[in-house]
Protein backbone atom coordinates (compact mmCIF):
# COMPACT_ATOMS: atom_id res chain seq x y z
CA MET A 1 11.03 68.51 -108.44
CA ASN A 2 10.40 67.68 -104.92
CA ASP A 3 7.14 69.85 -104.72
CA PRO A 4 4.26 67.58 -104.90
CA ASP A 5 2.12 70.22 -106.65
CA PHE A 6 4.75 71.05 -109.39
CA ARG A 7 5.26 67.19 -110.27
CA ASN A 8 1.40 67.02 -110.46
CA GLN A 9 1.52 69.97 -112.98
CA VAL A 10 4.56 68.42 -114.98
CA HIS A 11 2.09 65.30 -115.34
CA GLN A 12 -0.98 66.81 -116.40
CA ALA A 13 0.58 68.51 -119.29
CA VAL A 14 2.39 65.12 -120.11
CA ASP A 15 -0.51 63.22 -120.46
CA GLN A 16 -2.11 66.71 -122.30
CA MET A 17 0.58 66.14 -124.53
CA THR A 18 0.77 62.08 -124.90
CA LYS A 19 -3.66 62.16 -125.37
CA THR A 20 -2.76 62.77 -129.12
CA ALA A 21 0.08 60.69 -129.73
CA LYS A 22 -0.04 58.11 -132.77
CA GLU A 23 0.75 54.53 -131.85
CA ASP A 24 4.52 54.07 -131.81
CA PRO A 25 6.09 50.75 -133.71
CA TRP A 26 9.24 51.38 -132.13
CA LEU A 27 7.96 51.25 -128.54
CA ALA A 28 6.20 47.86 -129.34
CA GLN A 29 9.68 46.70 -130.92
CA GLN A 30 11.46 47.81 -127.42
CA ILE A 31 8.52 45.63 -125.61
CA ARG A 32 9.25 42.84 -127.67
CA ALA A 33 12.47 43.27 -127.37
CA GLN A 34 12.25 43.15 -123.17
CA VAL A 35 10.18 40.27 -123.28
CA LYS A 36 12.89 37.79 -125.09
CA GLY A 37 15.79 39.22 -123.07
CA GLU A 38 17.52 40.90 -125.91
CA GLU A 39 19.36 44.13 -125.53
CA PRO A 40 16.83 46.91 -126.82
CA MET A 41 17.67 49.88 -129.29
CA LYS A 42 18.51 52.88 -127.99
CA LYS A 43 17.04 56.08 -128.99
CA LYS A 44 17.58 59.58 -128.95
CA ILE A 45 15.81 62.35 -128.25
CA SER A 46 16.01 65.30 -130.11
CA ALA A 47 17.34 68.65 -129.39
CA SER A 48 14.21 70.30 -130.60
CA LEU A 49 12.14 67.89 -127.88
CA ILE A 50 14.73 68.44 -124.93
CA VAL A 51 14.18 72.27 -125.35
CA VAL A 52 9.74 72.05 -125.28
CA ILE A 53 10.46 69.92 -122.22
CA ALA A 54 12.67 72.41 -120.81
CA LEU A 55 10.54 74.90 -121.78
CA LEU A 56 7.47 73.62 -120.07
CA ILE A 57 8.92 72.92 -116.67
CA LEU A 58 10.11 76.94 -116.89
CA SER A 59 6.88 77.78 -117.45
CA LEU A 60 4.91 75.96 -115.12
CA SER A 61 8.04 77.11 -112.62
CA VAL A 62 6.73 80.77 -113.77
CA ALA A 63 3.37 80.10 -113.04
CA LEU A 64 3.54 78.35 -109.70
CA ALA A 65 5.99 81.24 -108.37
CA ALA A 66 3.52 84.04 -109.87
CA GLY A 67 0.72 82.36 -108.10
CA LEU A 68 2.08 82.52 -104.89
CA GLY A 69 2.37 85.87 -104.11
CA ILE A 70 3.08 87.41 -100.75
CA PHE A 71 -0.79 88.76 -100.01
CA ASP A 72 -1.77 84.59 -100.76
CA LYS A 73 1.18 83.01 -98.44
CA ILE A 74 0.50 85.55 -95.82
CA TYR A 75 -3.23 84.01 -95.91
CA GLU A 76 -1.80 80.57 -96.73
CA GLY A 77 0.25 80.70 -93.65
CA GLY A 78 -2.99 81.44 -91.09
CA TYR A 79 -4.01 85.46 -91.04
CA PRO A 80 -7.68 85.43 -91.72
CA ASP A 81 -8.40 88.02 -93.40
CA GLU A 82 -10.36 87.41 -96.36
CA ARG A 83 -9.74 90.22 -98.59
CA LEU A 84 -6.13 88.96 -98.71
CA PRO A 85 -6.49 86.68 -101.75
CA VAL A 86 -8.48 89.68 -103.04
CA LEU A 87 -5.80 91.69 -102.85
CA GLU A 88 -3.33 89.78 -105.02
CA THR A 89 -5.79 89.87 -107.70
CA VAL A 90 -6.37 93.47 -107.65
CA SER A 91 -3.05 94.79 -106.76
CA GLU A 92 -0.18 95.98 -108.93
CA PRO A 93 3.43 94.96 -109.37
CA VAL A 94 6.07 97.10 -107.82
CA GLY A 95 8.85 95.16 -108.02
CA THR A 96 11.66 97.60 -106.23
CA THR A 97 14.42 96.25 -104.04
CA HIS A 98 17.06 97.89 -101.89
CA THR A 99 19.71 96.61 -100.03
CA THR A 100 20.18 98.68 -96.19
CA GLY A 101 23.93 99.62 -95.39
CA GLU A 102 23.79 96.66 -93.23
CA GLY A 103 22.85 93.70 -95.38
CA VAL A 104 19.07 93.80 -95.50
CA THR A 105 17.13 94.02 -98.63
CA LEU A 106 13.47 94.97 -98.46
CA GLU A 107 11.60 93.57 -101.68
CA ILE A 108 8.06 95.65 -102.12
CA SER A 109 6.37 93.28 -103.97
CA LYS A 110 2.64 94.22 -104.67
CA ALA A 111 0.49 97.89 -103.61
CA TYR A 112 -2.79 98.69 -104.20
CA PHE A 113 -4.54 102.67 -103.28
CA GLU A 114 -7.69 103.03 -103.12
CA GLY A 115 -9.96 106.18 -101.42
CA ASP A 116 -7.77 107.09 -98.68
CA ARG A 117 -6.24 103.38 -98.11
CA VAL A 118 -2.91 102.03 -99.49
CA PHE A 119 -2.13 98.35 -99.31
CA VAL A 120 1.47 96.77 -100.02
CA ALA A 121 3.30 93.52 -99.51
CA TYR A 122 6.49 93.11 -99.25
CA ARG A 123 9.66 90.95 -98.02
CA LEU A 124 12.58 91.59 -95.66
CA THR A 125 15.51 89.63 -96.13
CA GLY A 126 19.38 89.08 -94.90
CA PRO A 127 20.81 89.65 -91.57
CA ARG A 128 18.12 91.10 -89.62
CA THR A 129 18.91 90.03 -86.26
CA TYR A 130 22.48 89.87 -84.76
CA ILE A 131 22.75 89.05 -81.06
CA GLU A 132 25.86 89.12 -78.49
CA LEU A 133 24.98 87.06 -74.97
CA HIS A 134 27.96 87.66 -72.12
CA GLU A 135 27.84 87.09 -68.17
CA GLY A 136 28.10 89.48 -66.00
CA ALA A 137 27.10 93.56 -66.22
CA PRO A 138 28.05 95.42 -68.93
CA GLU A 139 31.26 97.84 -68.09
CA GLN A 140 29.87 101.31 -70.34
CA GLU A 141 26.75 103.25 -68.66
CA TYR A 142 23.74 103.86 -70.75
CA GLU A 143 20.47 105.95 -70.09
CA TRP A 144 18.59 102.66 -68.57
CA ASP A 145 14.90 102.15 -68.69
CA VAL A 146 14.61 100.54 -65.47
CA THR A 147 12.07 97.86 -64.53
CA GLU A 148 11.63 96.80 -61.12
CA ASN A 149 10.41 92.41 -60.94
CA LEU A 150 10.99 91.65 -64.09
CA VAL A 151 12.76 88.77 -65.70
CA MET A 152 13.32 88.31 -69.65
CA ALA A 153 13.09 84.61 -69.77
CA GLY A 154 9.28 83.78 -68.75
CA ASN A 155 7.36 86.77 -69.69
CA PHE A 156 8.69 87.59 -73.03
CA SER A 157 8.92 85.42 -75.96
CA SER A 158 9.68 85.51 -79.59
CA ASN A 159 9.05 83.51 -83.10
CA ASP A 160 12.38 84.85 -84.21
CA PRO A 161 14.71 81.58 -82.95
CA GLU A 162 17.42 84.59 -82.14
CA GLN A 163 15.70 86.72 -79.73
CA GLN A 164 14.26 83.57 -78.04
CA ARG A 165 17.93 82.53 -77.43
CA MET A 166 18.32 85.79 -76.50
CA ILE A 167 15.13 85.86 -74.37
CA ASP A 168 15.90 82.14 -72.47
CA PHE A 169 19.40 83.48 -71.83
CA LEU A 170 18.45 86.46 -69.35
CA ASP A 171 16.72 83.93 -66.67
CA GLY A 172 17.56 85.75 -64.10
CA SER A 173 20.20 83.62 -62.33
CA GLY A 174 22.50 86.59 -61.05
CA GLN A 175 23.67 89.41 -63.81
CA ARG A 176 23.28 88.71 -67.55
CA TRP A 177 23.49 90.95 -70.02
CA ALA A 178 22.90 91.09 -74.23
CA LEU A 179 23.49 92.97 -76.86
CA SER A 180 21.52 92.82 -80.01
CA GLU A 181 21.19 94.66 -83.59
CA ASN A 182 17.94 94.58 -85.18
CA SER A 183 15.99 95.64 -88.25
CA TYR A 184 12.75 95.49 -88.92
CA VAL A 185 10.14 97.33 -90.98
CA SER A 186 8.52 100.78 -89.59
CA ASP A 187 4.68 100.18 -88.71
CA GLY A 188 3.13 103.10 -91.06
CA LEU A 189 3.75 104.69 -94.42
CA PHE A 190 5.63 108.40 -95.21
CA LEU A 191 4.61 110.20 -97.68
CA GLU A 192 7.60 112.40 -99.88
CA ASP A 193 6.67 115.30 -97.17
CA SER A 194 7.12 113.02 -93.86
CA THR A 195 2.81 113.11 -93.92
CA TYR A 196 2.55 109.98 -91.72
CA ALA A 197 0.07 107.42 -93.27
CA ASP A 198 -1.09 105.40 -90.53
CA ILE A 199 -1.18 101.79 -89.78
CA ILE A 200 -4.71 100.14 -89.41
CA GLY A 201 -4.05 96.34 -90.48
CA GLY A 202 -1.29 94.22 -91.17
CA GLU A 203 0.40 90.86 -90.38
CA GLU A 204 4.17 89.64 -90.78
CA GLN A 205 5.26 85.88 -90.68
CA LEU A 206 8.50 84.72 -89.80
CA GLN A 207 9.60 81.93 -92.88
CA GLU A 208 11.71 79.09 -92.48
CA ASP A 209 14.72 80.57 -94.16
CA GLY A 210 14.41 83.53 -91.80
CA SER A 211 13.23 85.94 -93.96
CA ILE A 212 9.97 88.25 -92.86
CA LEU A 213 6.66 88.10 -95.21
CA GLY A 214 4.66 91.77 -94.50
CA TRP A 215 1.68 93.30 -95.41
CA LYS A 216 -0.04 96.97 -93.97
CA GLU A 217 -2.76 98.81 -94.76
CA CYS A 218 -2.24 102.33 -94.08
CA THR A 219 -4.17 105.62 -94.39
CA VAL A 220 -3.62 108.38 -96.05
CA PRO A 221 -4.77 111.70 -94.59
CA GLU A 222 -7.51 113.54 -96.12
CA ASP A 223 -5.79 117.01 -97.52
CA ARG A 224 -2.60 115.53 -98.69
CA LEU A 225 -4.59 112.38 -101.08
CA GLU A 226 -3.82 112.81 -105.10
CA ASP A 227 -4.27 111.00 -107.49
CA THR A 228 -0.98 110.02 -108.10
CA MET A 229 1.42 109.73 -105.01
CA THR A 230 4.82 108.22 -103.85
CA PHE A 231 5.11 106.52 -100.65
CA MET A 232 7.39 105.33 -98.36
CA LEU A 233 8.32 101.75 -97.17
CA ALA A 234 10.94 102.24 -94.62
CA VAL A 235 13.64 99.85 -92.74
CA ASN A 236 14.83 100.71 -89.27
CA HIS A 237 18.05 99.16 -87.61
CA VAL A 238 18.30 99.55 -84.13
CA ARG A 239 20.97 98.65 -81.39
CA SER A 240 19.88 97.68 -77.87
CA VAL A 241 21.55 96.33 -74.36
CA THR A 242 19.18 94.04 -72.34
CA PHE A 243 20.66 93.85 -69.04
CA GLN A 244 19.52 91.46 -66.39
CA ASP A 245 20.69 92.03 -63.05
CA GLY A 246 18.75 89.22 -60.91
CA THR A 247 14.97 90.41 -60.65
CA THR A 248 15.63 93.48 -62.29
CA LEU A 249 15.23 94.43 -65.61
CA LYS A 250 17.63 97.91 -67.57
CA GLN A 251 17.11 98.31 -71.21
CA ALA A 252 18.95 100.80 -73.49
CA SER A 253 18.50 101.29 -77.80
CA GLU A 254 19.29 103.36 -79.59
CA LYS A 255 18.39 104.08 -83.95
CA ILE A 256 21.49 103.20 -86.25
CA SER A 257 19.82 103.69 -89.62
CA ARG A 258 16.96 104.28 -91.13
CA THR A 259 16.28 103.80 -95.13
CA GLU A 260 13.36 104.68 -97.14
CA VAL A 261 12.38 102.90 -99.95
CA PRO A 262 9.64 104.81 -101.99
CA PHE A 263 7.22 103.07 -104.57
CA THR A 264 4.54 105.15 -106.64
CA LEU A 265 0.59 104.31 -106.97
CA ASN A 266 -2.04 105.56 -108.78
CA ARG A 267 -5.15 105.61 -106.92
CA ASN A 268 -8.22 103.27 -107.95
CA GLU A 269 -11.31 105.37 -108.14
CA SER A 270 -13.57 103.33 -109.25
CA ARG A 271 -16.05 103.03 -106.46
CA THR A 272 -19.47 102.41 -105.01
CA PHE A 273 -21.39 104.16 -102.32
CA LEU A 274 -24.22 103.03 -100.20
CA LYS A 275 -26.02 104.96 -98.06
CA GLY A 276 -28.79 104.65 -95.56
CA SER A 277 -30.25 106.82 -92.57
CA ALA A 278 -33.05 105.93 -89.39
CA GLN A 279 -34.67 108.07 -87.08
CA THR A 280 -36.72 106.26 -84.07
CA GLU A 281 -38.25 107.50 -80.58
CA ASN A 282 -34.41 106.44 -78.61
CA TYR A 283 -31.73 107.19 -81.73
CA SER A 284 -30.80 108.19 -85.04
CA VAL A 285 -28.98 106.51 -87.71
CA SER A 286 -26.75 107.81 -90.60
CA VAL A 287 -24.76 105.26 -93.10
CA THR A 288 -22.59 105.72 -95.14
CA LEU A 289 -20.12 103.08 -97.31
CA ALA A 290 -17.56 102.92 -100.00
CA CYS A 291 -17.70 99.54 -101.66
CA GLY A 292 -14.15 99.10 -104.01
CA GLN A 293 -12.50 96.05 -104.97
CA VAL A 294 -11.51 94.39 -102.11
CA ASP A 295 -13.75 95.75 -99.47
CA ILE A 296 -16.85 97.68 -98.43
CA ARG A 297 -15.49 100.47 -95.55
CA GLY A 298 -17.38 102.99 -94.06
CA SER A 299 -19.01 104.13 -91.07
CA LEU A 300 -22.13 104.28 -89.04
CA VAL A 301 -23.15 107.53 -86.92
CA MET A 302 -25.66 107.16 -83.98
CA THR A 303 -27.46 110.49 -82.19
CA CYS A 304 -28.42 108.60 -79.25
CA PRO A 305 -28.72 109.03 -74.91
CA GLU A 306 -25.88 110.72 -73.11
CA GLU A 307 -25.50 107.05 -70.94
CA TRP A 308 -24.96 105.19 -74.21
CA ALA A 309 -22.38 107.26 -75.59
CA GLY A 310 -20.54 106.95 -72.00
CA ALA A 311 -21.70 103.10 -72.19
CA TYR A 312 -19.10 102.89 -75.38
CA GLU A 313 -15.91 103.86 -73.54
CA ASP A 314 -16.80 101.64 -70.25
CA TRP A 315 -15.87 97.75 -71.13
CA GLU A 316 -17.49 96.83 -67.68
CA TRP A 317 -20.62 99.23 -67.85
CA ASN A 318 -23.37 97.37 -66.46
CA GLY A 319 -26.28 100.06 -66.32
CA VAL A 320 -30.15 99.78 -66.39
CA THR A 321 -30.73 101.06 -69.70
CA ASP A 322 -30.66 98.68 -72.93
CA VAL A 323 -28.25 100.45 -75.54
CA ILE A 324 -26.84 99.64 -79.06
CA TRP A 325 -23.81 97.14 -78.62
CA ASP A 326 -23.45 96.34 -82.37
CA TRP A 327 -24.99 95.92 -85.73
CA HIS A 328 -25.39 92.81 -87.80
CA VAL A 329 -25.67 93.27 -91.66
CA TYR A 330 -27.77 91.83 -93.65
CA ARG A 331 -28.35 90.85 -97.44
CA GLY A 332 -32.01 90.18 -97.62
CA ASN A 333 -33.11 88.11 -94.69
CA GLU A 334 -29.88 86.61 -94.47
CA LEU A 335 -27.31 86.98 -91.98
CA ILE A 336 -23.45 87.58 -93.91
CA GLU A 337 -21.13 89.13 -91.30
CA GLU A 338 -21.34 89.35 -87.30
CA ASN A 339 -17.97 90.91 -86.80
CA ALA A 340 -18.25 94.33 -89.19
CA VAL A 341 -17.74 96.89 -86.31
CA GLN A 342 -14.17 97.50 -85.92
CA SER A 343 -14.22 100.08 -83.47
CA VAL A 344 -16.53 102.63 -81.56
CA SER A 345 -16.06 105.62 -80.55
CA GLY A 346 -18.95 107.62 -78.13
CA GLU A 347 -16.21 110.28 -76.09
CA GLY A 348 -19.28 110.77 -73.48
CA THR A 349 -21.11 113.18 -75.66
CA THR A 350 -24.57 112.21 -77.74
CA ARG A 351 -22.70 111.45 -81.03
CA VAL A 352 -21.52 108.00 -81.39
CA GLU A 353 -19.26 106.21 -84.19
CA PHE A 354 -19.00 102.65 -85.63
CA GLU A 355 -16.29 102.00 -88.12
CA LEU A 356 -17.49 99.21 -90.51
CA LEU A 357 -15.43 96.80 -92.77
CA LEU A 358 -17.49 94.25 -94.59
CA PRO A 359 -16.03 91.29 -97.40
CA ASN A 360 -15.83 92.83 -101.13
CA LEU A 361 -19.71 91.77 -102.37
CA SER A 362 -20.43 91.70 -106.21
CA ASP A 363 -23.87 92.65 -105.42
CA PRO A 364 -24.20 94.85 -101.99
CA GLY A 365 -27.72 95.50 -102.96
CA GLU A 366 -30.02 94.61 -100.67
CA LEU A 367 -27.93 95.48 -97.57
CA LYS A 368 -29.41 96.13 -94.07
CA LEU A 369 -27.99 96.56 -90.28
CA VAL A 370 -29.90 95.51 -87.65
CA PRO A 371 -28.77 96.77 -84.10
CA VAL A 372 -27.80 94.46 -81.71
CA TYR A 373 -28.95 95.35 -77.99
CA ARG A 374 -26.61 94.70 -74.66
CA LYS A 375 -29.44 92.57 -72.99
CA THR A 376 -31.81 92.10 -75.45
CA ASN A 377 -29.18 91.14 -78.24
CA ALA A 378 -30.76 91.83 -82.37
CA HIS A 379 -33.75 93.57 -82.68
CA PRO A 380 -34.29 92.96 -86.66
CA ASP A 381 -37.80 95.35 -86.34
CA GLU A 382 -35.03 98.03 -86.25
CA ALA A 383 -32.78 96.98 -89.60
CA ILE A 384 -31.42 100.22 -91.61
CA PRO A 385 -31.46 99.49 -95.06
CA VAL A 386 -28.82 100.69 -97.53
CA VAL A 387 -29.09 101.02 -100.56
CA PRO A 388 -26.30 102.33 -103.88
CA VAL A 389 -26.47 105.58 -104.45
CA THR A 390 -27.87 106.84 -107.72
């Protein structure tokens, strides 16, 4: 009842219940008694009314909990990916929970499988971090990774208070060392045959209670795709020794355990595909996009002069020739996305591929891509229409 939103919902529910209430003679009698200074009559609340109020509070609590899923919480926590609220809606409940031998619990709450991508939301709780701090040098010998002229304090930081305590302790004032154990979720996902599904997006946020909320976006290799697949999210437990010997930093780590937690998903294939192409004197372009429930994703492949392709591999390039450096997305004459390009690969050839990502659109019609040149900016006259494939 300390939550303002919860209290507000309770008040609204009570207001709704009392809109049809009739005049209560007993209430009028009680008020008159108070005015006269008399002891008011007591009126008991029936057992049935107590049950109704309890069920009301319970239902509101469940509704609040259901409306604050992990995708939503991460978005509200400051991660600026507009797809997260959409994922909260379209993803399916998983409800898988597993506790490792170290007492750390991984809860996989929701996940979604579309095309070649898997989105998963999870929570990690329990004793994730254990740290011992020591003066002097460790007695045991280790195979150190040595870095000269590097002091951990002042050069590293962590949003985990325990990790930050260790960092501050290793301040280069003589010899100090720390033993730490840490449980963390692996970057990507794994298939049942141990094939790696690489991570291409995600975020983790530390909560006030010490738990971790996280989400991942991973890609499944094309030759492994099936309509129903089982994925593994792994929790690794690592022990590390960090020795700050003056200004010399020495580190040694070993993996203690690995726990794989499986979950199974059906793939959604109800997607709309869009295509577009163009041919100019200097370049040709072919665009393929897939519009699903979460976003619009695809690629733009451009054949161009070799000098252009080389420019994308050199961020300090400042050649004489004006090259296409970016693409803006329009719907009709309205600019709807300036940051659609996620990556560029040129590899010094005449073939350049731009990876594109857009928020989901209820109507993907009338889209067009406008090239943005390095020196002369956007060229609307070279817009490429991208239309649904029938």
